[in-house]
C-alpha cells in the first residue's frame, strides 16, 4: 500500500497547500459543531437516516463556514 501511495499519490498541486492548511481547523472545530448540532436536533426526533444526513452536512457546513471566516479575517489569520 505504501509503495502504491508513493507511486501514484506523490505529486505537487496548487490546491494541496490550501487543503493542508484547512485540515487542522476542521479537526479542531468538528467535535464542537457535532455536539451542538446533535443537541439542537434532539427534540425533532427525525428518523436515523435523515438525522445522520443533517448532522453530517451540518457539521461539514459549520466547519467550512467558520474556517473560511477565520481565513479571510485579517486579525485572526495572523495567528
N, C-alpha and C. Protein backbone atom coordinates (compact mmCIF):
# COMPACT_ATOMS: atom_id res chain seq x y z
N UNK A 1 0.82 -1.18 0.00
CA UNK A 1 0.00 0.00 0.00
C UNK A 1 0.87 1.26 0.00
N UNK A 2 1.91 1.25 0.82
CA UNK A 2 2.77 2.43 0.88
C UNK A 2 3.49 2.65 -0.45
N UNK A 3 3.89 1.57 -1.10
CA UNK A 3 4.56 1.70 -2.40
C UNK A 3 3.61 2.27 -3.44
N UNK A 4 2.37 1.80 -3.46
CA UNK A 4 1.39 2.32 -4.40
C UNK A 4 1.07 3.79 -4.12
N UNK A 5 0.95 4.13 -2.85
CA UNK A 5 0.70 5.53 -2.50
C UNK A 5 1.87 6.41 -2.91
N UNK A 6 3.09 5.94 -2.68
CA UNK A 6 4.27 6.71 -3.08
C UNK A 6 4.31 6.89 -4.59
N UNK A 7 3.92 5.87 -5.31
CA UNK A 7 3.99 5.90 -6.78
C UNK A 7 2.92 6.80 -7.38
N UNK A 8 1.67 6.68 -6.90
CA UNK A 8 0.56 7.36 -7.56
C UNK A 8 0.07 8.63 -6.85
N UNK A 9 0.41 8.82 -5.61
CA UNK A 9 -0.09 9.98 -4.88
C UNK A 9 1.00 10.98 -4.52
N UNK A 10 2.18 10.82 -5.04
CA UNK A 10 3.29 11.71 -4.74
C UNK A 10 3.40 12.76 -5.86
N UNK A 11 2.67 13.85 -5.71
CA UNK A 11 2.70 14.91 -6.71
C UNK A 11 2.45 16.25 -6.03
N UNK A 12 2.81 17.29 -6.69
CA UNK A 12 2.59 18.66 -6.20
C UNK A 12 1.43 19.27 -6.97
N UNK A 13 0.55 19.91 -6.27
CA UNK A 13 -0.57 20.60 -6.89
C UNK A 13 -0.84 21.88 -6.10
N UNK A 14 -1.29 22.93 -6.78
CA UNK A 14 -1.51 24.20 -6.09
C UNK A 14 -2.57 24.12 -4.99
N UNK A 15 -3.58 23.30 -5.16
CA UNK A 15 -4.64 23.23 -4.18
C UNK A 15 -4.24 22.46 -2.92
N UNK A 16 -3.16 21.69 -2.95
CA UNK A 16 -2.76 20.91 -1.79
C UNK A 16 -2.33 21.79 -0.62
N UNK A 17 -1.68 22.90 -0.89
CA UNK A 17 -1.29 23.82 0.19
C UNK A 17 -2.52 24.37 0.91
N UNK A 18 -3.54 24.74 0.14
CA UNK A 18 -4.76 25.25 0.75
C UNK A 18 -5.46 24.17 1.56
N UNK A 19 -5.58 22.99 0.99
CA UNK A 19 -6.24 21.90 1.71
C UNK A 19 -5.48 21.51 2.96
N UNK A 20 -4.16 21.50 2.90
CA UNK A 20 -3.37 21.17 4.08
C UNK A 20 -3.54 22.20 5.19
N UNK A 21 -3.73 23.46 4.83
CA UNK A 21 -3.91 24.49 5.85
C UNK A 21 -5.31 24.47 6.46
N UNK A 22 -6.25 23.80 5.82
CA UNK A 22 -7.62 23.74 6.30
C UNK A 22 -7.87 22.50 7.18
N UNK A 23 -7.02 21.51 7.11
CA UNK A 23 -7.23 20.26 7.85
C UNK A 23 -7.28 20.50 9.35
N UNK A 24 -6.36 21.24 9.90
CA UNK A 24 -6.30 21.44 11.35
C UNK A 24 -7.53 22.18 11.89
N UNK A 25 -7.97 23.29 11.26
CA UNK A 25 -9.19 23.93 11.77
C UNK A 25 -10.42 23.00 11.74
N UNK A 26 -10.54 22.19 10.69
CA UNK A 26 -11.64 21.24 10.64
C UNK A 26 -11.53 20.25 11.80
N UNK A 27 -10.34 19.78 12.05
CA UNK A 27 -10.12 18.82 13.13
C UNK A 27 -10.51 19.43 14.49
N UNK A 28 -10.16 20.67 14.69
CA UNK A 28 -10.45 21.33 15.97
C UNK A 28 -11.94 21.64 16.11
N UNK A 29 -12.57 22.05 15.04
CA UNK A 29 -13.95 22.52 15.10
C UNK A 29 -15.00 21.41 15.01
N UNK A 30 -14.68 20.29 14.41
CA UNK A 30 -15.73 19.32 14.10
C UNK A 30 -16.41 18.75 15.33
N UNK A 31 -15.69 18.53 16.41
CA UNK A 31 -16.31 17.94 17.59
C UNK A 31 -17.30 18.91 18.23
N UNK A 32 -16.93 20.16 18.33
CA UNK A 32 -17.86 21.15 18.91
C UNK A 32 -19.09 21.33 18.03
N UNK A 33 -18.88 21.42 16.73
CA UNK A 33 -20.01 21.57 15.80
C UNK A 33 -20.92 20.35 15.87
N UNK A 34 -20.34 19.18 15.96
CA UNK A 34 -21.11 17.94 16.02
C UNK A 34 -21.98 17.89 17.27
N UNK A 35 -21.40 18.20 18.42
CA UNK A 35 -22.14 18.15 19.68
C UNK A 35 -23.27 19.18 19.70
N UNK A 36 -22.99 20.40 19.26
CA UNK A 36 -24.01 21.45 19.24
C UNK A 36 -25.14 21.08 18.29
N UNK A 37 -24.80 20.56 17.12
CA UNK A 37 -25.82 20.18 16.15
C UNK A 37 -26.68 19.02 16.66
N UNK A 38 -26.06 18.03 17.27
CA UNK A 38 -26.82 16.91 17.84
C UNK A 38 -27.76 17.39 18.94
N UNK A 39 -27.29 18.30 19.76
CA UNK A 39 -28.11 18.84 20.83
C UNK A 39 -29.30 19.62 20.26
N UNK A 40 -29.08 20.36 19.18
CA UNK A 40 -30.15 21.15 18.58
C UNK A 40 -31.17 20.27 17.85
N UNK A 41 -30.74 19.16 17.27
CA UNK A 41 -31.64 18.30 16.51
C UNK A 41 -32.39 17.29 17.39
N UNK A 42 -31.98 17.13 18.61
CA UNK A 42 -32.57 16.13 19.51
C UNK A 42 -34.09 16.23 19.65
N UNK A 43 -34.66 17.42 19.85
CA UNK A 43 -36.12 17.49 20.07
C UNK A 43 -36.96 17.12 18.85
N UNK A 44 -36.40 17.11 17.66
CA UNK A 44 -37.19 16.89 16.45
C UNK A 44 -37.48 15.42 16.16
N UNK A 45 -36.74 14.50 16.73
CA UNK A 45 -36.96 13.05 16.55
C UNK A 45 -37.07 12.64 15.08
N UNK A 46 -36.07 13.04 14.28
CA UNK A 46 -36.02 12.61 12.89
C UNK A 46 -35.70 11.12 12.82
N UNK A 47 -36.01 10.50 11.68
CA UNK A 47 -35.60 9.11 11.51
C UNK A 47 -34.06 9.08 11.40
N UNK A 48 -33.44 7.95 11.73
CA UNK A 48 -31.97 7.90 11.79
C UNK A 48 -31.25 8.31 10.50
N UNK A 49 -31.82 7.98 9.35
CA UNK A 49 -31.16 8.31 8.08
C UNK A 49 -31.16 9.83 7.87
N UNK A 50 -32.28 10.46 8.12
CA UNK A 50 -32.37 11.91 7.96
C UNK A 50 -31.48 12.61 8.98
N UNK A 51 -31.50 12.12 10.20
CA UNK A 51 -30.66 12.72 11.24
C UNK A 51 -29.18 12.60 10.91
N UNK A 52 -28.76 11.44 10.41
CA UNK A 52 -27.37 11.25 10.00
C UNK A 52 -26.99 12.22 8.89
N UNK A 53 -27.87 12.37 7.90
CA UNK A 53 -27.61 13.30 6.80
C UNK A 53 -27.50 14.73 7.30
N UNK A 54 -28.43 15.16 8.15
CA UNK A 54 -28.40 16.53 8.67
C UNK A 54 -27.17 16.79 9.53
N UNK A 55 -26.80 15.83 10.33
CA UNK A 55 -25.62 16.01 11.18
C UNK A 55 -24.35 16.06 10.35
N UNK A 56 -24.25 15.19 9.35
CA UNK A 56 -23.06 15.17 8.50
C UNK A 56 -22.92 16.46 7.70
N UNK A 57 -23.98 16.85 7.02
CA UNK A 57 -23.94 18.06 6.21
C UNK A 57 -23.79 19.31 7.09
N UNK A 58 -24.48 19.32 8.21
CA UNK A 58 -24.39 20.48 9.11
C UNK A 58 -23.01 20.64 9.73
N UNK A 59 -22.38 19.52 10.11
CA UNK A 59 -21.04 19.59 10.68
C UNK A 59 -20.04 20.09 9.65
N UNK A 60 -20.09 19.53 8.46
CA UNK A 60 -19.18 19.99 7.40
C UNK A 60 -19.44 21.45 7.04
N UNK A 61 -20.70 21.83 6.95
CA UNK A 61 -21.03 23.22 6.62
C UNK A 61 -20.57 24.20 7.68
N UNK A 62 -20.80 23.86 8.94
CA UNK A 62 -20.38 24.75 10.03
C UNK A 62 -18.86 24.88 10.07
N UNK A 63 -18.16 23.76 9.93
CA UNK A 63 -16.69 23.81 9.94
C UNK A 63 -16.16 24.62 8.76
N UNK A 64 -16.75 24.42 7.58
CA UNK A 64 -16.31 25.16 6.39
C UNK A 64 -16.57 26.65 6.55
N UNK A 65 -17.74 27.00 7.04
CA UNK A 65 -18.08 28.42 7.21
C UNK A 65 -17.16 29.10 8.22
N UNK A 66 -16.94 28.48 9.36
CA UNK A 66 -16.08 29.07 10.38
C UNK A 66 -14.65 29.17 9.88
N UNK A 67 -14.17 28.13 9.20
CA UNK A 67 -12.81 28.15 8.67
C UNK A 67 -12.63 29.25 7.64
N UNK A 68 -13.60 29.42 6.74
CA UNK A 68 -13.50 30.48 5.73
C UNK A 68 -13.52 31.87 6.35
N UNK A 69 -14.36 32.05 7.37
CA UNK A 69 -14.42 33.36 8.05
C UNK A 69 -13.08 33.66 8.72
N UNK A 70 -12.51 32.67 9.39
CA UNK A 70 -11.24 32.88 10.08
C UNK A 70 -10.12 33.12 9.08
N UNK A 71 -10.09 32.38 7.98
CA UNK A 71 -9.03 32.54 6.99
C UNK A 71 -9.09 33.91 6.30
N UNK A 72 -10.29 34.45 6.14
CA UNK A 72 -10.44 35.74 5.47
C UNK A 72 -10.32 36.93 6.41
N UNK A 73 -10.32 36.68 7.70
CA UNK A 73 -10.20 37.75 8.68
C UNK A 73 -8.74 38.11 8.88
N UNK A 74 -8.42 39.37 8.74
CA UNK A 74 -7.04 39.83 8.89
C UNK A 74 -6.52 39.60 10.31
N UNK A 75 -7.33 39.91 11.28
CA UNK A 75 -6.89 39.81 12.68
C UNK A 75 -6.69 38.36 13.11
N UNK A 76 -7.57 37.46 12.67
CA UNK A 76 -7.49 36.08 13.11
C UNK A 76 -6.52 35.24 12.28
N UNK A 77 -6.33 35.57 11.03
CA UNK A 77 -5.48 34.76 10.16
C UNK A 77 -4.00 34.91 10.50
N UNK A 78 -3.62 35.99 11.17
CA UNK A 78 -2.22 36.18 11.53
C UNK A 78 -1.74 35.11 12.49
N UNK A 79 -2.58 34.71 13.38
CA UNK A 79 -2.18 33.77 14.44
C UNK A 79 -2.44 32.39 14.00
